[in-house]
Amino acid sequence: MVRPPLTQSDRARGERLGEALRHARGDRSMVQIATAAGISVETLRKIERGRVPTPAFFTVAALATAVGLSLDTLCRHLDDDLSRPGAA
């Protein structure tokens, strides 16, 4: 199966996700959050920088739990970003 190329909207959503997770991480280190989520620090770094614009659902769920966000809150944050003027 060939995966369709990512759109600019997909990339922008990945960047917003990364920003939200980075903000929620606060003072905690990447090592702390990656360990709590059961992923590598490099994977967390890529997600936070938007280099993995479509991470797996269970990865996002684990990260949201590790930083203390519900998936509902995370989705609302991403939706709020979309409603701002000039958003992708």
Protein backbone atom coordinates (compact mmCIF):
# COMPACT_ATOMS: atom_id res chain seq x y z
CA MET A 1 0.00 0.00 0.00
CA VAL A 2 1.38 3.38 -0.98
CA ARG A 3 0.84 6.16 1.51
CA PRO A 4 -0.35 9.43 -0.04
CA PRO A 5 2.03 12.36 0.41
CA LEU A 6 1.44 14.63 3.38
CA THR A 7 -0.32 17.90 2.70
CA GLN A 8 0.75 21.26 4.07
CA SER A 9 -2.21 20.99 6.45
CA ASP A 10 -0.88 17.63 7.74
CA ARG A 11 2.53 19.18 8.34
CA ALA A 12 1.03 22.23 10.09
CA ARG A 13 -1.08 20.01 12.34
CA GLY A 14 2.04 18.04 13.28
CA GLU A 15 3.84 21.26 14.16
CA ARG A 16 0.90 22.39 16.33
CA LEU A 17 0.87 19.02 18.07
CA GLY A 18 4.58 19.28 18.78
CA GLU A 19 4.19 22.82 20.14
CA ALA A 20 1.32 21.75 22.41
CA LEU A 21 3.28 18.81 23.81
CA ARG A 22 6.44 20.89 24.27
CA HIS A 23 4.44 23.57 26.11
CA ALA A 24 2.74 20.97 28.33
CA ARG A 25 6.13 19.37 29.11
CA GLY A 26 7.16 22.61 30.80
CA ASP A 27 10.29 22.25 32.96
CA ARG A 28 10.41 18.49 32.71
CA SER A 29 13.20 17.01 30.64
CA MET A 30 12.70 15.16 27.40
CA VAL A 31 14.20 12.11 29.07
CA GLN A 32 11.55 12.18 31.83
CA ILE A 33 8.65 12.48 29.40
CA ALA A 34 10.01 9.99 26.86
CA THR A 35 10.60 7.44 29.62
CA ALA A 36 7.11 7.97 31.05
CA ALA A 37 5.59 7.57 27.57
CA GLY A 38 7.69 4.52 26.68
CA ILE A 39 9.30 6.11 23.62
CA SER A 40 12.81 7.18 22.73
CA VAL A 41 14.04 10.68 23.39
CA GLU A 42 14.77 11.01 19.67
CA THR A 43 11.15 10.16 18.82
CA LEU A 44 9.92 12.78 21.29
CA ARG A 45 12.35 15.33 19.85
CA LYS A 46 11.08 14.66 16.31
CA ILE A 47 7.43 14.93 17.37
CA GLU A 48 8.03 18.17 19.30
CA ARG A 49 9.79 19.71 16.29
CA GLY A 50 7.08 18.59 13.86
CA ARG A 51 9.39 16.21 11.99
CA VAL A 52 6.93 13.37 12.65
CA PRO A 53 3.69 15.08 11.62
CA THR A 54 1.52 11.97 11.95
CA PRO A 55 2.67 9.99 14.99
CA ALA A 56 0.78 6.84 15.90
CA PHE A 57 -2.35 7.31 18.02
CA PHE A 58 -0.96 5.28 20.93
CA THR A 59 2.22 7.36 20.90
CA VAL A 60 0.18 10.57 21.12
CA ALA A 61 -1.99 9.05 23.87
CA ALA A 62 1.08 7.99 25.86
CA LEU A 63 2.67 11.43 25.48
CA ALA A 64 -0.54 13.21 26.48
CA THR A 65 -0.71 11.08 29.62
CA ALA A 66 2.98 11.68 30.38
CA VAL A 67 2.56 15.47 30.21
CA GLY A 68 -0.78 15.44 32.05
CA LEU A 69 -3.10 16.32 29.17
CA SER A 70 -6.27 14.50 28.30
CA LEU A 71 -6.75 13.72 24.62
CA ASP A 72 -9.84 15.96 24.71
CA THR A 73 -7.78 18.88 25.96
CA LEU A 74 -5.09 18.24 23.37
CA CYS A 75 -7.69 18.10 20.57
CA ARG A 76 -9.35 21.29 21.80
CA HIS A 77 -5.97 23.02 21.81
CA LEU A 78 -5.33 21.97 18.22
CA ASP A 79 -8.86 23.04 17.21
CA ASP A 80 -8.36 26.42 18.92
CA ASP A 81 -5.19 26.91 16.89
CA LEU A 82 -7.13 26.23 13.69
CA SER A 83 -9.72 28.88 14.49
CA ARG A 84 -7.12 31.67 14.82
CA PRO A 85 -6.78 34.06 11.90
CA GLY A 86 -4.01 32.98 9.54
CA ALA A 87 -4.02 29.37 10.79
CA ALA A 88 -3.40 26.61 8.27
